């Protein structure tokens, strides 16, 4: 008889860093470079996703609202249910020029682009 395992409810951020991100169809959308936490509320705000480029060169970074990601602990990846074209046209940033994460206008712009409400 096969025993059922409970889903993992808590993981360290380090466990997720470097994990691949795929859409529900299994198409590669990049990998998680970092996880951003709102220090006032304690909520995970964003996953910083690297996407594009070749062999890690020319990658652009994107802040993906955490509410859009689902962690697949069996496949050791995250699933992001967005069209690849939406991601290609998303507001991104360069590895050497990160946005000001204290700018609430910037947060609202990112959440609006993805059509989700900021929860913190």
PDB file of N, CA and C in Angstrom:
ATOM      1  N   UNK A   1       0.841  -1.177   0.000  1.00  0.00           N
ATOM      2  CA  UNK A   1       0.000   0.000   0.000  1.00  0.00           C
ATOM      3  C   UNK A   1       0.888   1.242   0.000  1.00  0.00           C
ATOM      4  N   UNK A   2       0.607   2.151  -0.904  1.00  0.00           N
ATOM      5  CA  UNK A   2       1.389   3.383  -1.016  1.00  0.00           C
ATOM      6  C   UNK A   2       0.938   4.379   0.039  1.00  0.00           C
ATOM      7  N   UNK A   3       1.905   4.962   0.758  1.00  0.00           N
ATOM      8  CA  UNK A   3       1.541   5.953   1.767  1.00  0.00           C
ATOM      9  C   UNK A   3       1.516   7.331   1.129  1.00  0.00           C
ATOM     10  N   UNK A   4       0.577   8.134   1.542  1.00  0.00           N
ATOM     11  CA  UNK A   4       0.439   9.492   1.036  1.00  0.00           C
ATOM     12  C   UNK A   4       1.352  10.410   1.845  1.00  0.00           C
ATOM     13  N   UNK A   5       2.006  11.301   1.177  1.00  0.00           N
ATOM     14  CA  UNK A   5       2.824  12.279   1.883  1.00  0.00           C
ATOM     15  C   UNK A   5       2.095  13.614   1.883  1.00  0.00           C
ATOM     16  N   UNK A   6       2.253  14.329   2.960  1.00  0.00           N
ATOM     17  CA  UNK A   6       1.636  15.642   3.057  1.00  0.00           C
ATOM     18  C   UNK A   6       2.467  16.635   2.265  1.00  0.00           C
ATOM     19  N   UNK A   7       1.800  17.635   1.660  1.00  0.00           N
ATOM     20  CA  UNK A   7       2.582  18.646   0.942  1.00  0.00           C
ATOM     21  C   UNK A   7       3.463  19.442   1.896  1.00  0.00           C
ATOM     22  N   UNK A   8       4.603  19.866   1.393  1.00  0.00           N
ATOM     23  CA  UNK A   8       5.506  20.688   2.187  1.00  0.00           C
ATOM     24  C   UNK A   8       4.922  22.085   2.298  1.00  0.00           C
ATOM     25  N   UNK A   9       4.693  22.546   3.531  1.00  0.00           N
ATOM     26  CA  UNK A   9       4.084  23.847   3.737  1.00  0.00           C
ATOM     27  C   UNK A   9       5.109  24.952   3.966  1.00  0.00           C
ATOM     28  N   UNK A  10       6.303  24.576   4.374  1.00  0.00           N
ATOM     29  CA  UNK A  10       7.331  25.572   4.662  1.00  0.00           C
ATOM     30  C   UNK A  10       8.648  25.097   4.054  1.00  0.00           C
ATOM     31  N   UNK A  11       9.278  25.987   3.292  1.00  0.00           N
ATOM     32  CA  UNK A  11      10.588  25.718   2.710  1.00  0.00           C
ATOM     33  C   UNK A  11      11.486  26.921   2.963  1.00  0.00           C
ATOM     34  N   UNK A  12      12.766  26.689   3.013  1.00  0.00           N
ATOM     35  CA  UNK A  12      13.682  27.821   3.127  1.00  0.00           C
ATOM     36  C   UNK A  12      13.782  28.513   1.769  1.00  0.00           C
ATOM     37  N   UNK A  13      14.019  29.802   1.767  1.00  0.00           N
ATOM     38  CA  UNK A  13      14.187  30.546   0.518  1.00  0.00           C
ATOM     39  C   UNK A  13      15.357  29.980  -0.268  1.00  0.00           C
ATOM     40  N   UNK A  14      16.389  29.551   0.437  1.00  0.00           N
ATOM     41  CA  UNK A  14      17.549  28.964  -0.234  1.00  0.00           C
ATOM     42  C   UNK A  14      17.221  27.704  -0.999  1.00  0.00           C
ATOM     43  N   UNK A  15      16.207  26.973  -0.550  1.00  0.00           N
ATOM     44  CA  UNK A  15      15.783  25.766  -1.243  1.00  0.00           C
ATOM     45  C   UNK A  15      15.220  26.100  -2.614  1.00  0.00           C
ATOM     46  N   UNK A  16      14.546  27.246  -2.713  1.00  0.00           N
ATOM     47  CA  UNK A  16      13.897  27.633  -3.960  1.00  0.00           C
ATOM     48  C   UNK A  16      14.817  28.392  -4.915  1.00  0.00           C
ATOM     49  N   UNK A  17      15.834  29.036  -4.367  1.00  0.00           N
ATOM     50  CA  UNK A  17      16.759  29.803  -5.201  1.00  0.00           C
ATOM     51  C   UNK A  17      17.457  28.872  -6.190  1.00  0.00           C
ATOM     52  N   UNK A  18      17.422  29.257  -7.446  1.00  0.00           N
ATOM     53  CA  UNK A  18      18.028  28.440  -8.494  1.00  0.00           C
ATOM     54  C   UNK A  18      17.077  27.447  -9.127  1.00  0.00           C
ATOM     55  N   UNK A  19      15.898  27.271  -8.531  1.00  0.00           N
ATOM     56  CA  UNK A  19      14.916  26.356  -9.114  1.00  0.00           C
ATOM     57  C   UNK A  19      14.411  26.894 -10.445  1.00  0.00           C
ATOM     58  N   UNK A  20      14.125  25.988 -11.341  1.00  0.00           N
ATOM     59  CA  UNK A  20      13.537  26.356 -12.608  1.00  0.00           C
ATOM     60  C   UNK A  20      12.096  26.797 -12.433  1.00  0.00           C
ATOM     61  N   UNK A  21      11.632  27.579 -13.391  1.00  0.00           N
ATOM     62  CA  UNK A  21      10.241  28.020 -13.426  1.00  0.00           C
ATOM     63  C   UNK A  21       9.685  27.603 -14.775  1.00  0.00           C
ATOM     64  N   UNK A  22       8.534  26.971 -14.738  1.00  0.00           N
ATOM     65  CA  UNK A  22       7.886  26.483 -15.957  1.00  0.00           C
ATOM     66  C   UNK A  22       6.448  26.966 -15.982  1.00  0.00           C
ATOM     67  N   UNK A  23       5.863  26.995 -17.173  1.00  0.00           N
ATOM     68  CA  UNK A  23       4.432  27.253 -17.243  1.00  0.00           C
ATOM     69  C   UNK A  23       3.711  25.914 -17.115  1.00  0.00           C
ATOM     70  N   UNK A  24       2.388  25.894 -16.999  1.00  0.00           N
ATOM     71  CA  UNK A  24       1.685  24.619 -16.812  1.00  0.00           C
ATOM     72  C   UNK A  24       1.920  23.608 -17.934  1.00  0.00           C
ATOM     73  N   UNK A  25       2.290  24.079 -19.125  1.00  0.00           N
ATOM     74  CA  UNK A  25       2.582  23.180 -20.236  1.00  0.00           C
ATOM     75  C   UNK A  25       3.993  22.619 -20.205  1.00  0.00           C
ATOM     76  N   UNK A  26       4.790  23.004 -19.196  1.00  0.00           N
ATOM     77  CA  UNK A  26       6.144  22.494 -19.055  1.00  0.00           C
ATOM     78  C   UNK A  26       7.200  23.316 -19.774  1.00  0.00           C
ATOM     79  N   UNK A  27       6.800  24.431 -20.391  1.00  0.00           N
ATOM     80  CA  UNK A  27       7.745  25.290 -21.099  1.00  0.00           C
ATOM     81  C   UNK A  27       8.617  26.042 -20.093  1.00  0.00           C
ATOM     82  N   UNK A  28       9.916  26.059 -20.337  1.00  0.00           N
ATOM     83  CA  UNK A  28      10.873  26.709 -19.443  1.00  0.00           C
ATOM     84  C   UNK A  28      10.708  28.220 -19.490  1.00  0.00           C
ATOM     85  N   UNK A  29      10.552  28.840 -18.315  1.00  0.00           N
ATOM     86  CA  UNK A  29      10.423  30.295 -18.216  1.00  0.00           C
ATOM     87  C   UNK A  29      11.592  30.940 -17.485  1.00  0.00           C
ATOM     88  N   UNK A  30      12.581  30.187 -17.110  1.00  0.00           N
ATOM     89  CA  UNK A  30      13.743  30.749 -16.433  1.00  0.00           C
ATOM     90  C   UNK A  30      14.002  30.072 -15.104  1.00  0.00           C
ATOM     91  N   UNK A  31      14.653  30.837 -14.205  1.00  0.00           N
ATOM     92  CA  UNK A  31      14.934  30.287 -12.877  1.00  0.00           C
ATOM     93  C   UNK A  31      14.840  31.385 -11.832  1.00  0.00           C
ATOM     94  N   UNK A  32      14.625  30.977 -10.600  1.00  0.00           N
ATOM     95  CA  UNK A  32      14.527  31.918  -9.491  1.00  0.00           C
ATOM     96  C   UNK A  32      15.926  32.329  -9.065  1.00  0.00           C
ATOM     97  N   UNK A  33      16.167  33.636  -9.123  1.00  0.00           N
ATOM     98  CA  UNK A  33      17.450  34.194  -8.711  1.00  0.00           C
ATOM     99  C   UNK A  33      17.429  34.616  -7.247  1.00  0.00           C
ATOM    100  N   UNK A  34      16.273  35.067  -6.779  1.00  0.00           N
ATOM    101  CA  UNK A  34      16.179  35.553  -5.412  1.00  0.00           C
ATOM    102  C   UNK A  34      14.720  35.593  -4.997  1.00  0.00           C
ATOM    103  N   UNK A  35      14.495  35.768  -3.723  1.00  0.00           N
ATOM    104  CA  UNK A  35      13.151  35.903  -3.170  1.00  0.00           C
ATOM    105  C   UNK A  35      13.153  37.144  -2.295  1.00  0.00           C
ATOM    106  N   UNK A  36      12.189  38.018  -2.558  1.00  0.00           N
ATOM    107  CA  UNK A  36      12.115  39.307  -1.876  1.00  0.00           C
ATOM    108  C   UNK A  36      10.995  39.254  -0.830  1.00  0.00           C
ATOM    109  N   UNK A  37      11.309  39.671   0.390  1.00  0.00           N
ATOM    110  CA  UNK A  37      10.367  39.626   1.515  1.00  0.00           C
ATOM    111  C   UNK A  37      10.055  41.042   1.962  1.00  0.00           C
ATOM    112  N   UNK A  38       8.777  41.317   2.160  1.00  0.00           N
ATOM    113  CA  UNK A  38       8.358  42.597   2.725  1.00  0.00           C
ATOM    114  C   UNK A  38       8.652  42.531   4.216  1.00  0.00           C
ATOM    115  N   UNK A  39       9.580  43.334   4.678  1.00  0.00           N
ATOM    116  CA  UNK A  39      10.012  43.240   6.079  1.00  0.00           C
ATOM    117  C   UNK A  39       8.977  43.783   7.056  1.00  0.00           C
ATOM    118  N   UNK A  40       8.055  44.626   6.589  1.00  0.00           N
ATOM    119  CA  UNK A  40       7.016  45.150   7.482  1.00  0.00           C
ATOM    120  C   UNK A  40       5.935  44.115   7.759  1.00  0.00           C
ATOM    121  N   UNK A  41       5.499  43.428   6.697  1.00  0.00           N
ATOM    122  CA  UNK A  41       4.391  42.478   6.841  1.00  0.00           C
ATOM    123  C   UNK A  41       4.860  41.040   7.026  1.00  0.00           C
ATOM    124  N   UNK A  42       6.082  40.746   6.592  1.00  0.00           N
ATOM    125  CA  UNK A  42       6.573  39.376   6.646  1.00  0.00           C
ATOM    126  C   UNK A  42       6.149  38.539   5.451  1.00  0.00           C
ATOM    127  N   UNK A  43       5.384  39.113   4.526  1.00  0.00           N
ATOM    128  CA  UNK A  43       4.946  38.373   3.337  1.00  0.00           C
ATOM    129  C   UNK A  43       6.082  38.262   2.320  1.00  0.00           C
ATOM    130  N   UNK A  44       6.093  37.144   1.614  1.00  0.00           N
ATOM    131  CA  UNK A  44       6.973  37.045   0.462  1.00  0.00           C
ATOM    132  C   UNK A  44       6.351  37.921  -0.615  1.00  0.00           C
ATOM    133  N   UNK A  45       7.097  38.881  -1.109  1.00  0.00           N
ATOM    134  CA  UNK A  45       6.564  39.829  -2.079  1.00  0.00           C
ATOM    135  C   UNK A  45       6.759  39.338  -3.512  1.00  0.00           C
ATOM    136  N   UNK A  46       7.987  38.956  -3.843  1.00  0.00           N
ATOM    137  CA  UNK A  46       8.317  38.602  -5.214  1.00  0.00           C
ATOM    138  C   UNK A  46       9.311  37.456  -5.260  1.00  0.00           C
ATOM    139  N   UNK A  47       9.267  36.762  -6.382  1.00  0.00           N
ATOM    140  CA  UNK A  47      10.379  35.931  -6.797  1.00  0.00           C
ATOM    141  C   UNK A  47      11.058  36.718  -7.901  1.00  0.00           C
ATOM    142  N   UNK A  48      12.362  36.831  -7.850  1.00  0.00           N
ATOM    143  CA  UNK A  48      13.106  37.475  -8.930  1.00  0.00           C
ATOM    144  C   UNK A  48      13.474  36.368  -9.902  1.00  0.00           C
ATOM    145  N   UNK A  49      12.946  36.485 -11.097  1.00  0.00           N
ATOM    146  CA  UNK A  49      13.089  35.472 -12.129  1.00  0.00           C
ATOM    147  C   UNK A  49      14.066  35.951 -13.190  1.00  0.00           C
ATOM    148  N   UNK A  50      15.034  35.106 -13.556  1.00  0.00           N
ATOM    149  CA  UNK A  50      15.894  35.421 -14.699  1.00  0.00           C
ATOM    150  C   UNK A  50      15.318  34.685 -15.899  1.00  0.00           C
ATOM    151  N   UNK A  51      15.262  35.413 -17.008  1.00  0.00           N
ATOM    152  CA  UNK A  51      14.615  34.878 -18.199  1.00  0.00           C
ATOM    153  C   UNK A  51      15.246  35.500 -19.436  1.00  0.00           C
ATOM    154  N   UNK A  52      15.398  34.711 -20.480  1.00  0.00           N
ATOM    155  CA  UNK A  52      15.960  35.204 -21.730  1.00  0.00           C
ATOM    156  C   UNK A  52      17.448  34.985 -21.768  1.00  0.00           C
ATOM    157  N   UNK A  53      18.070  35.479 -22.782  1.00  0.00           N
ATOM    158  CA  UNK A  53      19.513  35.321 -22.920  1.00  0.00           C
ATOM    159  C   UNK A  53      19.880  33.913 -23.333  1.00  0.00           C
ATOM    160  N   UNK A  54      21.167  33.695 -23.463  1.00  0.00           N
ATOM    161  CA  UNK A  54      21.690  32.381 -23.849  1.00  0.00           C
ATOM    162  C   UNK A  54      22.757  31.988 -22.848  1.00  0.00           C
ATOM    163  N   UNK A  55      22.572  30.823 -22.234  1.00  0.00           N
ATOM    164  CA  UNK A  55      23.505  30.299 -21.242  1.00  0.00           C
ATOM    165  C   UNK A  55      23.770  31.293 -20.118  1.00  0.00           C
ATOM    166  N   UNK A  56      22.709  31.995 -19.702  1.00  0.00           N
ATOM    167  CA  UNK A  56      22.826  32.940 -18.592  1.00  0.00           C
ATOM    168  C   UNK A  56      23.366  34.294 -18.973  1.00  0.00           C
ATOM    169  N   UNK A  57      23.748  34.481 -20.253  1.00  0.00           N
ATOM    170  CA  UNK A  57      24.264  35.770 -20.705  1.00  0.00           C
ATOM    171  C   UNK A  57      23.122  36.542 -21.363  1.00  0.00           C
ATOM    172  N   UNK A  58      22.913  37.749 -20.902  1.00  0.00           N
ATOM    173  CA  UNK A  58      21.845  38.571 -21.458  1.00  0.00           C
ATOM    174  C   UNK A  58      20.503  38.348 -20.792  1.00  0.00           C
ATOM    175  N   UNK A  59      20.490  37.569 -19.714  1.00  0.00           N
ATOM    176  CA  UNK A  59      19.247  37.365 -18.978  1.00  0.00           C
ATOM    177  C   UNK A  59      18.724  38.692 -18.464  1.00  0.00           C
ATOM    178  N   UNK A  60      17.440  38.822 -18.480  1.00  0.00           N
ATOM    179  CA  UNK A  60      16.773  39.967 -17.884  1.00  0.00           C
ATOM    180  C   UNK A  60      16.113  39.455 -16.602  1.00  0.00           C
ATOM    181  N   UNK A  61      16.016  40.312 -15.608  1.00  0.00           N
ATOM    182  CA  UNK A  61      15.379  39.926 -14.354  1.00  0.00           C
ATOM    183  C   UNK A  61      13.968  40.505 -14.291  1.00  0.00           C
ATOM    184  N   UNK A  62      13.072  39.749 -13.673  1.00  0.00           N
ATOM    185  CA  UNK A  62      11.685  40.147 -13.520  1.00  0.00           C
ATOM    186  C   UNK A  62      11.235  39.887 -12.097  1.00  0.00           C
ATOM    187  N   UNK A  63      10.475  40.816 -11.552  1.00  0.00           N
ATOM    188  CA  UNK A  63       9.847  40.591 -10.248  1.00  0.00           C
ATOM    189  C   UNK A  63       8.480  39.985 -10.508  1.00  0.00           C
ATOM    190  N   UNK A  64       8.313  38.763 -10.054  1.00  0.00           N
ATOM    191  CA  UNK A  64       7.045  38.054 -10.235  1.00  0.00           C
ATOM    192  C   UNK A  64       6.323  38.056  -8.896  1.00  0.00           C
ATOM    193  N   UNK A  65       5.117  38.640  -8.834  1.00  0.00           N
ATOM    194  CA  UNK A  65       4.375  38.594  -7.571  1.00  0.00           C
ATOM    195  C   UNK A  65       4.267  37.146  -7.082  1.00  0.00           C
ATOM    196  N   UNK A  66       4.596  36.943  -5.836  1.00  0.00           N
ATOM    197  CA  UNK A  66       4.646  35.599  -5.274  1.00  0.00           C
ATOM    198  C   UNK A  66       3.322  34.862  -5.423  1.00  0.00           C
ATOM    199  N   UNK A  67       2.215  35.598  -5.396  1.00  0.00           N
ATOM    200  CA  UNK A  67       0.894  34.965  -5.484  1.00  0.00           C
ATOM    201  C   UNK A  67       0.678  34.259  -6.822  1.00  0.00           C
ATOM    202  N   UNK A  68       1.488  34.544  -7.821  1.00  0.00           N
ATOM    203  CA  UNK A  68       1.348  33.902  -9.129  1.00  0.00           C
ATOM    204  C   UNK A  68       2.086  32.572  -9.229  1.00  0.00           C
ATOM    205  N   UNK A  69       2.958  32.300  -8.287  1.00  0.00           N
ATOM    206  CA  UNK A  69       3.771  31.084  -8.356  1.00  0.00           C
ATOM    207  C   UNK A  69       3.196  29.962  -7.495  1.00  0.00           C
ATOM    208  N   UNK A  70       3.318  28.777  -8.008  1.00  0.00           N
ATOM    209  CA  UNK A  70       2.988  27.569  -7.248  1.00  0.00           C
ATOM    210  C   UNK A  70       4.264  26.741  -7.171  1.00  0.00           C
ATOM    211  N   UNK A  71       4.581  26.248  -5.993  1.00  0.00           N
ATOM    212  CA  UNK A  71       5.784  25.435  -5.814  1.00  0.00           C
ATOM    213  C   UNK A  71       5.422  23.975  -6.051  1.00  0.00           C
ATOM    214  N   UNK A  72       6.127  23.330  -6.956  1.00  0.00           N
ATOM    215  CA  UNK A  72       5.956  21.905  -7.231  1.00  0.00           C
ATOM    216  C   UNK A  72       7.114  21.185  -6.558  1.00  0.00           C
ATOM    217  N   UNK A  73       6.861  20.662  -5.348  1.00  0.00           N
ATOM    218  CA  UNK A  73       7.935  20.037  -4.575  1.00  0.00           C
ATOM    219  C   UNK A  73       8.388  18.706  -5.180  1.00  0.00           C
ATOM    220  N   UNK A  74       7.522  18.048  -5.929  1.00  0.00           N
ATOM    221  CA  UNK A  74       7.906  16.775  -6.539  1.00  0.00           C
ATOM    222  C   UNK A  74       8.865  16.980  -7.705  1.00  0.00           C
ATOM    223  N   UNK A  75       8.624  18.016  -8.504  1.00  0.00           N
ATOM    224  CA  UNK A  75       9.468  18.278  -9.677  1.00  0.00           C
ATOM    225  C   UNK A  75      10.563  19.301  -9.386  1.00  0.00           C
ATOM    226  N   UNK A  76      10.605  19.786  -8.142  1.00  0.00           N
ATOM    227  CA  UNK A  76      11.619  20.763  -7.713  1.00  0.00           C
ATOM    228  C   UNK A  76      11.671  21.975  -8.652  1.00  0.00           C
ATOM    229  N   UNK A  77      10.492  22.538  -8.882  1.00  0.00           N
ATOM    230  CA  UNK A  77      10.410  23.734  -9.712  1.00  0.00           C
ATOM    231  C   UNK A  77       9.220  24.569  -9.244  1.00  0.00           C
ATOM    232  N   UNK A  78       9.086  25.737  -9.824  1.00  0.00           N
ATOM    233  CA  UNK A  78       7.911  26.567  -9.588  1.00  0.00           C
ATOM    234  C   UNK A  78       7.134  26.644 -10.884  1.00  0.00           C
ATOM    235  N   UNK A  79       5.834  26.768 -10.750  1.00  0.00           N
ATOM    236  CA  UNK A  79       4.964  26.869 -11.920  1.00  0.00           C
ATOM    237  C   UNK A  79       4.380  28.270 -11.942  1.00  0.00           C
ATOM    238  N   UNK A  80       4.518  28.911 -13.075  1.00  0.00           N
ATOM    239  CA  UNK A  80       4.012  30.260 -13.291  1.00  0.00           C
ATOM    240  C   UNK A  80       3.039  30.203 -14.455  1.00  0.00           C
ATOM    241  N   UNK A  81       1.773  30.446 -14.163  1.00  0.00           N
ATOM    242  CA  UNK A  81       0.730  30.328 -15.182  1.00  0.00           C
ATOM    243  C   UNK A  81       0.573  31.644 -15.943  1.00  0.00           C
ATOM    244  N   UNK A  82       1.579  31.978 -16.734  1.00  0.00           N
ATOM    245  CA  UNK A  82       1.508  33.141 -17.631  1.00  0.00           C
ATOM    246  C   UNK A  82       2.054  32.724 -18.994  1.00  0.00           C
ATOM    247  N   UNK A  83       1.557  33.388 -20.013  1.00  0.00           N
ATOM    248  CA  UNK A  83       2.029  33.160 -21.367  1.00  0.00           C
ATOM    249  C   UNK A  83       3.461  33.679 -21.490  1.00  0.00           C
ATOM    250  N   UNK A  84       4.287  32.972 -22.219  1.00  0.00           N
ATOM    251  CA  UNK A  84       5.683  33.364 -22.383  1.00  0.00           C
ATOM    252  C   UNK A  84       5.793  34.769 -22.995  1.00  0.00           C
ATOM    253  N   UNK A  85       4.897  35.129 -23.904  1.00  0.00           N
ATOM    254  CA  UNK A  85       4.904  36.467 -24.518  1.00  0.00           C
ATOM    255  C   UNK A  85       4.656  37.548 -23.470  1.00  0.00           C
ATOM    256  N   UNK A  86       3.755  37.281 -22.515  1.00  0.00           N
ATOM    257  CA  UNK A  86       3.493  38.248 -21.446  1.00  0.00           C
ATOM    258  C   UNK A  86       4.769  38.489 -20.656  1.00  0.00           C
ATOM    259  N   UNK A  87       5.491  37.419 -20.370  1.00  0.00           N
ATOM    260  CA  UNK A  87       6.741  37.541 -19.625  1.00  0.00           C
ATOM    261  C   UNK A  87       7.802  38.290 -20.446  1.00  0.00           C
ATOM    262  N   UNK A  88       7.884  38.014 -21.735  1.00  0.00           N
ATOM    263  CA  UNK A  88       8.868  38.688 -22.594  1.00  0.00           C
ATOM    264  C   UNK A  88       8.660  40.203 -22.615  1.00  0.00           C
ATOM    265  N   UNK A  89       7.408  40.641 -22.477  1.00  0.00           N
ATOM    266  CA  UNK A  89       7.078  42.068 -22.530  1.00  0.00           C
ATOM    267  C   UNK A  89       6.915  42.701 -21.150  1.00  0.00           C
ATOM    268  N   UNK A  90       7.163  41.934 -20.109  1.00  0.00           N
ATOM    269  CA  UNK A  90       6.974  42.413 -18.737  1.00  0.00           C
ATOM    270  C   UNK A  90       8.025  43.455 -18.371  1.00  0.00           C
ATOM    271  N   UNK A  91       7.671  44.330 -17.416  1.00  0.00           N
ATOM    272  CA  UNK A  91       8.693  45.272 -16.930  1.00  0.00           C
ATOM    273  C   UNK A  91       9.791  44.498 -16.197  1.00  0.00           C
ATOM    274  N   UNK A  92      10.991  44.624 -16.682  1.00  0.00           N
ATOM    275  CA  UNK A  92      12.104  43.903 -16.078  1.00  0.00           C
ATOM    276  C   UNK A  92      13.216  44.871 -15.717  1.00  0.00           C
ATOM    277  N   UNK A  93      14.335  44.295 -15.309  1.00  0.00           N
ATOM    278  CA  UNK A  93      15.472  45.118 -14.932  1.00  0.00           C
ATOM    279  C   UNK A  93      16.763  44.341 -15.140  1.00  0.00           C
ATOM    280  N   UNK A  94      17.850  45.070 -15.167  1.00  0.00           N
ATOM    281  CA  UNK A  94      19.164  44.505 -15.391  1.00  0.00           C
ATOM    282  C   UNK A  94      19.760  44.008 -14.077  1.00  0.00           C
ATOM    283  N   UNK A  95      20.596  43.006 -14.155  1.00  0.00           N
ATOM    284  CA  UNK A  95      21.237  42.448 -12.962  1.00  0.00           C
ATOM    285  C   UNK A  95      22.036  43.488 -12.175  1.00  0.00           C
ATOM    286  N   UNK A  96      22.498  44.533 -12.854  1.00  0.00           N
ATOM    287  CA  UNK A  96      23.308  45.562 -12.195  1.00  0.00           C
ATOM    288  C   UNK A  96      22.501  46.813 -11.849  1.00  0.00           C
ATOM    289  N   UNK A  97      21.208  46.810 -12.135  1.00  0.00           N
ATOM    290  CA  UNK A  97      20.386  47.998 -11.897  1.00  0.00           C
ATOM    291  C   UNK A  97      19.000  47.585 -11.391  1.00  0.00           C
ATOM    292  N   UNK A  98      18.945  47.168 -10.126  1.00  0.00           N
ATOM    293  CA  UNK A  98      17.693  46.709  -9.532  1.00  0.00           C
ATOM    294  C   UNK A  98      16.781  47.899  -9.239  1.00  0.00           C
ATOM    295  N   UNK A  99      15.467  47.682  -9.256  1.00  0.00           N
ATOM    296  CA  UNK A  99      14.537  48.772  -8.947  1.00  0.00           C
ATOM    297  C   UNK A  99      14.569  49.143  -7.473  1.00  0.00           C
ATOM    298  N   UNK A 100      13.981  50.273  -7.164  1.00  0.00           N
ATOM    299  CA  UNK A 100      13.839  50.707  -5.779  1.00  0.00           C
ATOM    300  C   UNK A 100      12.618  49.990  -5.197  1.00  0.00           C
ATOM    301  N   UNK A 101      12.852  48.977  -4.405  1.00  0.00           N
ATOM    302  CA  UNK A 101      11.750  48.184  -3.847  1.00  0.00           C
ATOM    303  C   UNK A 101      10.966  48.936  -2.777  1.00  0.00           C
ATOM    304  N   UNK A 102      11.389  50.134  -2.406  1.00  0.00           N
ATOM    305  CA  UNK A 102      10.627  50.964  -1.473  1.00  0.00           C
ATOM    306  C   UNK A 102       9.600  51.833  -2.198  1.00  0.00           C
ATOM    307  N   UNK A 103       9.648  51.864  -3.512  1.00  0.00           N
ATOM    308  CA  UNK A 103       8.753  52.680  -4.327  1.00  0.00           C
ATOM    309  C   UNK A 103       7.434  51.933  -4.546  1.00  0.00           C
ATOM    310  N   UNK A 104       6.386  52.355  -3.849  1.00  0.00           N
ATOM    311  CA  UNK A 104       5.092  51.670  -3.941  1.00  0.00           C
ATOM    312  C   UNK A 104       4.470  51.829  -5.331  1.00  0.00           C
ATOM    313  N   UNK A 105       4.794  52.907  -6.040  1.00  0.00           N
ATOM    314  CA  UNK A 105       4.304  53.079  -7.409  1.00  0.00           C
ATOM    315  C   UNK A 105       4.846  51.962  -8.291  1.00  0.00           C
ATOM    316  N   UNK A 106       6.123  51.613  -8.086  1.00  0.00           N
ATOM    317  CA  UNK A 106       6.729  50.523  -8.843  1.00  0.00           C
ATOM    318  C   UNK A 106       6.018  49.203  -8.539  1.00  0.00           C
ATOM    319  N   UNK A 107       5.758  48.941  -7.262  1.00  0.00           N
ATOM    320  CA  UNK A 107       5.053  47.706  -6.885  1.00  0.00           C
ATOM    321  C   UNK A 107       3.691  47.630  -7.566  1.00  0.00           C
ATOM    322  N   UNK A 108       2.957  48.748  -7.525  1.00  0.00           N
ATOM    323  CA  UNK A 108       1.624  48.761  -8.125  1.00  0.00           C
ATOM    324  C   UNK A 108       1.694  48.535  -9.635  1.00  0.00           C
ATOM    325  N   UNK A 109       2.717  49.075 -10.284  1.00  0.00           N
ATOM    326  CA  UNK A 109       2.898  48.884 -11.725  1.00  0.00           C
ATOM    327  C   UNK A 109       3.121  47.401 -12.049  1.00  0.00           C
ATOM    328  N   UNK A 110       3.957  46.743 -11.277  1.00  0.00           N
ATOM    329  CA  UNK A 110       4.243  45.321 -11.516  1.00  0.00           C
ATOM    330  C   UNK A 110       2.991  44.481 -11.286  1.00  0.00           C
ATOM    331  N   UNK A 111       2.313  44.715 -10.180  1.00  0.00           N
ATOM    332  CA  UNK A 111       1.104  43.931  -9.895  1.00  0.00           C
ATOM    333  C   UNK A 111       0.021  44.177 -10.936  1.00  0.00           C
ATOM    334  N   UNK A 112      -0.120  45.419 -11.365  1.00  0.00           N
ATOM    335  CA  UNK A 112      -1.103  45.765 -12.384  1.00  0.00           C
ATOM    336  C   UNK A 112      -0.788  45.047 -13.698  1.00  0.00           C
ATOM    337  N   UNK A 113       0.482  44.989 -14.067  1.00  0.00           N
ATOM    338  CA  UNK A 113       0.878  44.332 -15.310  1.00  0.00           C
ATOM    339  C   UNK A 113       0.422  42.872 -15.324  1.00  0.00           C
ATOM    340  N   UNK A 114       0.582  42.198 -14.192  1.00  0.00           N
ATOM    341  CA  UNK A 114       0.216  40.789 -14.108  1.00  0.00           C
ATOM    342  C   UNK A 114      -1.252  40.566 -13.741  1.00  0.00           C
ATOM    343  N   UNK A 115      -1.973  41.666 -13.466  1.00  0.00           N
ATOM    344  CA  UNK A 115      -3.401  41.564 -13.170  1.00  0.00           C
ATOM    345  C   UNK A 115      -3.723  40.987 -11.814  1.00  0.00           C
ATOM    346  N   UNK A 116      -2.832  41.208 -10.841  1.00  0.00           N
ATOM    347  CA  UNK A 116      -3.070  40.725  -9.482  1.00  0.00           C
ATOM    348  C   UNK A 116      -3.021  41.894  -8.508  1.00  0.00           C
ATOM    349  N   UNK A 117      -3.717  41.735  -7.410  1.00  0.00           N
ATOM    350  CA  UNK A 117      -3.745  42.761  -6.381  1.00  0.00           C
ATOM    351  C   UNK A 117      -2.597  42.543  -5.395  1.00  0.00           C
ATOM    352  N   UNK A 118      -1.971  43.628  -5.022  1.00  0.00           N
ATOM    353  CA  UNK A 118      -0.919  43.549  -4.002  1.00  0.00           C
ATOM    354  C   UNK A 118      -1.586  43.247  -2.665  1.00  0.00           C
ATOM    355  N   UNK A 119      -1.121  42.226  -1.959  1.00  0.00           N
ATOM    356  CA  UNK A 119      -1.765  41.797  -0.713  1.00  0.00           C
ATOM    357  C   UNK A 119      -1.070  42.316   0.547  1.00  0.00           C
ATOM    358  N   UNK A 120      -0.036  43.106   0.388  1.00  0.00           N
ATOM    359  CA  UNK A 120       0.676  43.608   1.554  1.00  0.00           C
ATOM    360  C   UNK A 120       0.826  45.099   1.495  1.00  0.00           C
TER     361      UNK A 120
END
